[in-house]
Amino acid sequence: MIFVLSAQPNLRFVPDEGLDFVVRKLGHMGVFGILALLVSSALANTSSFRRPWAWALALALLYAVTDQLHQGLVVGRHRSIVGGAID
């Protein structure tokens, strides 16, 4: 889902530009938070890692970086350090 939405050029959810920015950034935080929770749960239930939440956080951050790189390749999107930090 993250990859598909990141590939959409000029993605907008609401007409107001300021509100759209807030909605998109809250969406990023929510989606990457869910990703981290799912990875943490999967690691806790299927591996012997001592701190699955730390691995989940690291993997979610790694995916956020690759997501920003992907957005930089999509026409109408751009990569951003701030966007990666919000992810």
Protein backbone atom coordinates (compact mmCIF):
# COMPACT_ATOMS: atom_id res chain seq x y z
CA MET A 1 0.00 0.00 0.00
CA ILE A 2 2.82 2.41 0.87
CA PHE A 3 4.61 1.73 -2.40
CA VAL A 4 1.46 2.17 -4.49
CA LEU A 5 0.46 5.45 -2.82
CA SER A 6 4.03 6.75 -3.12
CA ALA A 7 3.87 6.14 -6.87
CA GLN A 8 0.85 8.44 -7.32
CA PRO A 9 1.79 11.80 -8.85
CA ASN A 10 0.29 14.91 -7.26
CA LEU A 11 -1.51 12.91 -4.59
CA ARG A 12 -4.11 15.08 -2.82
CA PHE A 13 -6.80 14.11 -0.29
CA VAL A 14 -8.53 17.44 0.43
CA PRO A 15 -8.76 20.64 -1.66
CA ASP A 16 -7.21 22.95 0.96
CA GLU A 17 -3.41 22.82 0.54
CA GLY A 18 -2.58 23.35 4.22
CA LEU A 19 -5.09 20.81 5.46
CA ASP A 20 -3.99 18.36 2.77
CA PHE A 21 -0.40 18.64 4.01
CA VAL A 22 -1.51 17.80 7.56
CA VAL A 23 -3.69 14.90 6.41
CA ARG A 24 -0.90 13.40 4.29
CA LYS A 25 1.71 13.73 7.06
CA LEU A 26 -0.62 12.22 9.66
CA GLY A 27 -1.29 9.43 7.17
CA HIS A 28 2.46 8.84 6.78
CA MET A 29 2.91 8.63 10.53
CA GLY A 30 -0.04 6.28 10.88
CA VAL A 31 0.94 3.95 8.05
CA PHE A 32 4.57 3.69 9.12
CA GLY A 33 3.46 3.22 12.75
CA ILE A 34 1.23 0.33 11.66
CA LEU A 35 4.12 -1.10 9.63
CA ALA A 36 6.39 -0.98 12.71
CA LEU A 37 3.72 -2.64 14.89
CA LEU A 38 3.15 -5.42 12.37
CA VAL A 39 6.87 -6.08 11.94
CA SER A 40 7.37 -6.05 15.72
CA SER A 41 4.55 -8.51 16.20
CA ALA A 42 5.86 -10.78 13.46
CA LEU A 43 9.38 -10.75 14.90
CA ALA A 44 8.16 -11.33 18.46
CA ASN A 45 6.10 -14.35 17.39
CA THR A 46 8.51 -15.95 14.93
CA SER A 47 12.06 -15.16 16.03
CA SER A 48 14.32 -15.16 19.04
CA PHE A 49 15.26 -11.46 18.78
CA ARG A 50 15.56 -9.96 22.24
CA ARG A 51 14.17 -6.57 21.25
CA PRO A 52 11.75 -7.05 18.34
CA TRP A 53 10.49 -3.46 18.69
CA ALA A 54 14.02 -2.12 18.01
CA TRP A 55 14.35 -4.26 14.87
CA ALA A 56 10.87 -3.19 13.78
CA LEU A 57 11.77 0.48 14.26
CA ALA A 58 15.00 0.03 12.29
CA LEU A 59 13.20 -1.76 9.45
CA ALA A 60 10.43 0.86 9.33
CA LEU A 61 13.06 3.63 9.19
CA LEU A 62 14.90 1.81 6.42
CA TYR A 63 11.68 1.50 4.45
CA ALA A 64 10.95 5.21 5.04
CA VAL A 65 14.32 6.06 3.48
CA THR A 66 13.66 3.83 0.46
CA ASP A 67 10.16 5.31 0.19
CA GLN A 68 11.63 8.81 -0.07
CA LEU A 69 14.07 7.61 -2.74
CA HIS A 70 11.15 6.06 -4.62
CA GLN A 71 9.15 9.29 -4.41
CA GLY A 72 12.12 11.12 -5.91
CA LEU A 73 11.72 8.99 -9.04
CA VAL A 74 7.98 9.66 -9.46
CA VAL A 75 6.95 12.61 -11.64
CA GLY A 76 5.01 15.11 -9.53
CA ARG A 77 6.56 13.89 -6.26
CA HIS A 78 9.83 14.76 -4.58
CA ARG A 79 12.01 13.26 -1.90
CA SER A 80 12.50 15.11 1.32
CA ILE A 81 14.52 14.62 4.50
CA VAL A 82 11.62 16.14 6.44
CA GLY A 83 9.23 13.69 4.79
CA GLY A 84 11.48 10.80 5.76
CA ALA A 85 11.69 12.04 9.34
CA ILE A 86 7.89 12.28 9.52
CA ASP A 87 7.62 8.72 8.18
